[in-house]
Structure formats: structure tokens, C-alpha cells
C-alpha atoms as a PDB file:
ATOM      1  CA  MET A   1      35.325  80.542  92.367  1.00  0.00           C
ATOM      2  CA  ILE A   2      37.052  83.910  92.302  1.00  0.00           C
ATOM      3  CA  SER A   3      37.221  85.469  95.742  1.00  0.00           C
ATOM      4  CA  ALA A   4      35.588  88.880  95.896  1.00  0.00           C
ATOM      5  CA  ALA A   5      37.125  89.412  99.339  1.00  0.00           C
ATOM      6  CA  ALA A   6      40.635  88.962  97.941  1.00  0.00           C
ATOM      7  CA  ALA A   7      39.912  91.460  95.159  1.00  0.00           C
ATOM      8  CA  ILE A   8      38.488  93.961  97.639  1.00  0.00           C
ATOM      9  CA  SER A   9      41.570  93.643  99.843  1.00  0.00           C
ATOM     10  CA  GLY A  10      43.691  94.220  96.728  1.00  0.00           C
ATOM     11  CA  LEU A  11      41.690  97.362  95.964  1.00  0.00           C
ATOM     12  CA  ALA A  12      42.326  98.606  99.503  1.00  0.00           C
ATOM     13  CA  ALA A  13      46.049  97.822  99.251  1.00  0.00           C
ATOM     14  CA  SER A  14      46.312  99.639  95.910  1.00  0.00           C
ATOM     15  CA  THR A  15      44.494 102.627  97.376  1.00  0.00           C
ATOM     16  CA  ALA A  16      46.910 102.683 100.330  1.00  0.00           C
ATOM     17  CA  GLU A  17      49.895 102.537  97.978  1.00  0.00           C
ATOM     18  CA  LEU A  18      48.549 105.437  95.943  1.00  0.00           C
ATOM     19  CA  ALA A  19      47.840 107.440  99.114  1.00  0.00           C
ATOM     20  CA  ALA A  20      51.403 106.904 100.358  1.00  0.00           C
ATOM     21  CA  SER A  21      52.898 107.988  97.056  1.00  0.00           C
ATOM     22  CA  ALA A  22      50.611 111.024  96.767  1.00  0.00           C
ATOM     23  CA  SER A  23      51.551 112.061 100.301  1.00  0.00           C
ATOM     24  CA  ASN A  24      55.241 111.772  99.451  1.00  0.00           C
ATOM     25  CA  VAL A  25      54.855 113.954  96.360  1.00  0.00           C
ATOM     26  CA  ALA A  26      52.714 116.533  98.165  1.00  0.00           C
ATOM     27  CA  ASN A  27      55.206 116.850 101.024  1.00  0.00           C
ATOM     28  CA  ALA A  28      58.463 116.568  99.077  1.00  0.00           C
ATOM     29  CA  GLN A  29      59.401 120.181  99.822  1.00  0.00           C
ATOM     30  CA  THR A  30      58.423 120.139 103.505  1.00  0.00           C
ATOM     31  CA  VAL A  31      61.603 120.849 105.420  1.00  0.00           C
ATOM     32  CA  GLY A  32      62.402 120.707 109.104  1.00  0.00           C
ATOM     33  CA  PRO A  33      65.400 120.936 111.385  1.00  0.00           C
ATOM     34  CA  LEU A  34      68.208 118.429 111.135  1.00  0.00           C
ATOM     35  CA  SER A  35      67.747 115.846 113.878  1.00  0.00           C
ATOM     36  CA  GLY A  36      69.455 116.729 117.092  1.00  0.00           C
ATOM     37  CA  THR A  37      69.388 120.520 116.546  1.00  0.00           C
ATOM     38  CA  GLY A  38      66.578 121.127 119.036  1.00  0.00           C
ATOM     39  CA  TRP A  39      65.183 123.814 116.754  1.00  0.00           C
ATOM     40  CA  GLY A  40      61.531 124.108 115.831  1.00  0.00           C
ATOM     41  CA  PRO A  41      58.200 125.521 116.960  1.00  0.00           C
ATOM     42  CA  ALA A  42      58.784 124.397 120.538  1.00  0.00           C
ATOM     43  CA  ALA A  43      61.751 126.746 120.679  1.00  0.00           C
ATOM     44  CA  ILE A  44      59.852 129.556 118.900  1.00  0.00           C
ATOM     45  CA  VAL A  45      56.536 129.445 120.782  1.00  0.00           C
ATOM     46  CA  GLY A  46      58.023 130.955 123.908  1.00  0.00           C
ATOM     47  CA  ALA A  47      60.474 130.495 126.687  1.00  0.00           C
ATOM     48  CA  GLY A  48      58.461 127.526 127.922  1.00  0.00           C
ATOM     49  CA  GLY A  49      58.401 125.864 124.504  1.00  0.00           C
ATOM     50  CA  THR A  50      54.782 124.746 124.540  1.00  0.00           C
ATOM     51  CA  GLY A  51      54.531 123.716 120.857  1.00  0.00           C
ATOM     52  CA  PRO A  52      55.482 120.436 119.238  1.00  0.00           C
ATOM     53  CA  THR A  53      59.021 120.046 117.951  1.00  0.00           C
ATOM     54  CA  ALA A  54      59.036 120.386 114.172  1.00  0.00           C
ATOM     55  CA  GLN A  55      60.510 117.794 111.907  1.00  0.00           C
ATOM     56  CA  ALA A  56      60.798 117.241 108.184  1.00  0.00           C
ATOM     57  CA  TYR A  57      58.184 115.095 106.503  1.00  0.00           C
ATOM     58  CA  GLN A  58      59.026 111.392 106.757  1.00  0.00           C
ATOM     59  CA  PRO A  59      58.340 109.648 103.406  1.00  0.00           C
ATOM     60  CA  VAL A  60      56.284 106.457 103.614  1.00  0.00           C
ATOM     61  CA  THR A  61      55.822 103.312 101.603  1.00  0.00           C
ATOM     62  CA  THR A  62      53.397 100.428 101.856  1.00  0.00           C
ATOM     63  CA  VAL A  63      54.338  96.946 102.939  1.00  0.00           C
ATOM     64  CA  GLN A  64      51.995  94.246 101.739  1.00  0.00           C
ATOM     65  CA  SER A  65      51.552  90.816 103.260  1.00  0.00           C
ATOM     66  CA  THR A  66      49.162  87.914 102.968  1.00  0.00           C
ATOM     67  CA  ALA A  67      46.050  88.515 105.039  1.00  0.00           C
ATOM     68  CA  PRO A  68      44.638  85.768 107.236  1.00  0.00           C
ATOM     69  CA  GLY A  69      41.975  83.947 105.231  1.00  0.00           C
ATOM     70  CA  GLY A  70      43.346  85.151 101.884  1.00  0.00           C
ATOM     71  CA  GLY A  71      43.807  88.444 100.194  1.00  0.00           C
ATOM     72  CA  VAL A  72      46.377  91.040 101.028  1.00  0.00           C
ATOM     73  CA  ALA A  73      46.965  93.444 103.898  1.00  0.00           C
ATOM     74  CA  ALA A  74      48.835  96.709 103.481  1.00  0.00           C
ATOM     75  CA  ARG A  75      50.434  98.871 106.146  1.00  0.00           C
ATOM     76  CA  PHE A  76      52.420 102.080 106.001  1.00  0.00           C
ATOM     77  CA  ALA A  77      56.106 102.067 106.863  1.00  0.00           C
ATOM     78  CA  ALA A  78      58.633 104.870 107.066  1.00  0.00           C
ATOM     79  CA  VAL A  79      61.280 105.031 104.361  1.00  0.00           C
ATOM     80  CA  SER A  80      64.812 104.898 105.742  1.00  0.00           C
ATOM     81  CA  PRO A  81      66.772 107.089 105.472  1.00  0.00           C
ATOM     82  CA  GLY A  82      63.847 109.465 105.177  1.00  0.00           C
ATOM     83  CA  THR A  83      65.599 112.806 105.012  1.00  0.00           C
ATOM     84  CA  GLU A  84      68.793 114.341 103.732  1.00  0.00           C
ATOM     85  CA  PRO A  85      70.494 117.664 104.421  1.00  0.00           C
ATOM     86  CA  ALA A  86      69.621 120.518 102.066  1.00  0.00           C
ATOM     87  CA  TYR A  87      70.926 124.076 101.961  1.00  0.00           C
ATOM     88  CA  ASP A  88      68.213 126.604 102.801  1.00  0.00           C
ATOM     89  CA  PRO A  89      69.646 129.408 104.955  1.00  0.00           C
ATOM     90  CA  GLN A  90      66.365 131.388 104.805  1.00  0.00           C
ATOM     91  CA  SER A  91      64.389 128.615 106.503  1.00  0.00           C
ATOM     92  CA  PRO A  92      63.515 129.132 110.152  1.00  0.00           C
ATOM     93  CA  TYR A  93      64.736 125.554 110.672  1.00  0.00           C
ATOM     94  CA  ALA A  94      68.222 126.168 109.254  1.00  0.00           C
ATOM     95  CA  ASP A  95      71.155 125.355 111.485  1.00  0.00           C
ATOM     96  CA  GLY A  96      74.341 127.434 111.729  1.00  0.00           C
ATOM     97  CA  GLN A  97      75.510 126.250 108.302  1.00  0.00           C
ATOM     98  CA  GLY A  98      72.121 126.952 106.678  1.00  0.00           C
ATOM     99  CA  LEU A  99      71.192 123.258 106.476  1.00  0.00           C
ATOM    100  CA  VAL A 100      67.717 121.801 106.920  1.00  0.00           C
ATOM    101  CA  ALA A 101      66.353 118.265 106.681  1.00  0.00           C
ATOM    102  CA  GLN A 102      64.493 117.621 103.418  1.00  0.00           C
ATOM    103  CA  PRO A 103      62.522 114.451 102.636  1.00  0.00           C
ATOM    104  CA  ARG A 104      64.208 111.988 100.268  1.00  0.00           C
ATOM    105  CA  VAL A 105      61.475 111.782  97.649  1.00  0.00           C
ATOM    106  CA  ASP A 106      62.286 110.760  94.077  1.00  0.00           C
ATOM    107  CA  PRO A 107      59.505 112.103  91.823  1.00  0.00           C
ATOM    108  CA  ASN A 108      60.351 109.568  89.108  1.00  0.00           C
ATOM    109  CA  GLN A 109      60.042 106.645  91.523  1.00  0.00           C
ATOM    110  CA  GLU A 110      56.783 108.063  92.856  1.00  0.00           C
ATOM    111  CA  ALA A 111      55.409 108.249  89.288  1.00  0.00           C
ATOM    112  CA  VAL A 112      56.307 104.567  88.861  1.00  0.00           C
ATOM    113  CA  ASN A 113      54.677 103.745  92.223  1.00  0.00           C
ATOM    114  CA  GLN A 114      51.491 105.577  91.241  1.00  0.00           C
ATOM    115  CA  THR A 115      51.357 103.871  87.846  1.00  0.00           C
ATOM    116  CA  GLY A 116      51.814 100.465  89.490  1.00  0.00           C
ATOM    117  CA  ALA A 117      49.146 101.189  92.092  1.00  0.00           C
ATOM    118  CA  PHE A 118      46.724 102.255  89.354  1.00  0.00           C
ATOM    119  CA  ALA A 119      47.413  99.076  87.335  1.00  0.00           C
ATOM    120  CA  ALA A 120      46.940  96.890  90.422  1.00  0.00           C
ATOM    121  CA  PHE A 121      43.693  98.706  91.224  1.00  0.00           C
ATOM    122  CA  LYS A 122      42.389  98.107  87.691  1.00  0.00           C
ATOM    123  CA  ALA A 123      43.364  94.427  87.841  1.00  0.00           C
ATOM    124  CA  ASN A 124      41.601  93.909  91.171  1.00  0.00           C
ATOM    125  CA  LEU A 125      38.563  95.772  89.897  1.00  0.00           C
ATOM    126  CA  ALA A 126      38.438  93.455  86.863  1.00  0.00           C
ATOM    127  CA  VAL A 127      38.598  90.429  89.189  1.00  0.00           C
ATOM    128  CA  LEU A 128      35.737  91.862  91.224  1.00  0.00           C
ATOM    129  CA  GLU A 129      33.675  92.446  88.070  1.00  0.00           C
ATOM    130  CA  VAL A 130      34.280  88.865  86.874  1.00  0.00           C
ATOM    131  CA  SER A 131      33.318  87.540  90.310  1.00  0.00           C
ATOM    132  CA  ASP A 132      30.108  89.562  90.156  1.00  0.00           C
ATOM    133  CA  GLU A 133      29.297  88.241  86.680  1.00  0.00           C
ATOM    134  CA  MET A 134      29.939  84.656  87.804  1.00  0.00           C
ATOM    135  CA  GLN A 135      27.609  85.059  90.768  1.00  0.00           C
ATOM    136  CA  LYS A 136      24.888  86.558  88.553  1.00  0.00           C
ATOM    137  CA  SER A 137      25.315  83.682  86.103  1.00  0.00           C
ATOM    138  CA  LEU A 138      25.108  81.139  88.909  1.00  0.00           C
ATOM    139  CA  LEU A 139      21.919  82.670  90.273  1.00  0.00           C
ATOM    140  CA  ALA A 140      20.364  82.741  86.801  1.00  0.00           C
ATOM    141  CA  ILE A 141      20.991  78.981  86.419  1.00  0.00           C
ATOM    142  CA  ALA A 142      19.608  78.030  89.831  1.00  0.00           C
END
């Protein structure tokens, strides 16, 4: 019999993959200081530096593995290298050369990731629908 639990875990994994990709696209232009500059809101807030140190958005991906008892488990993982230097001298995070850290997000790859996540979601939904129909058919026979 088709496992509804495996299909549901696949739906959750596809949703996580889509969420990661959407987050990457939404934050692709979020810049921060280059690592090691010590610049950011903590330096701006006041002499005591009471705010958190700013950083550029760290792109994420999902890593899928077999779940105990079947199905799939998905977890978020940081993409490495996550940022690259970009020239933006007007940014408050710019160093002496006008460089900031910008997330390494490829919009084309993210479109592929979103399309794949959508296809996987549809496939798992179809499995869940077939499982439901099989259970209904079994109950009608009994």
C-alpha cells in the first residue's frame, strides 16, 4: 500500500525547499559589512554598541535525507560561500574601498529550484490522493 506518511513528509520537504528559495530571492539584495570589518548597527547604536552586529543575508538550501520509518526529512543549511564583495560606497556597511558583502544568489538557479519544488509537491500530492482513493476503495469492499 502507498504510504501516506511518506507523501506527507515529501510535501513538507518540498514546502521547505520552496521556502528556502523564496527567502533567497527576497533577500538577494540585502547587504552587510564584509566579515572582519567590525562595522554594523553595534557600532552605530552608540559608544557602548548595544545593537546586534549586522551581516549580509546568508543564502540557504535544503538538505534532504531518509527519515526514520520511511519518508524524507529536510533541513536548512547555509550555502558556502554565502556572500561575495560588491561595490556600494553609499551603503552604511561599506568599508574604506566602498565594498559590502552581498549574498551569492543566482536568480536563474532559484527559478529552477522553485520549479523543482513545485513539481515534487505535485507528485507527492498525487501520491497522497491515490493513497486516499485506495483507502476509500478498501473500506467500500469491507
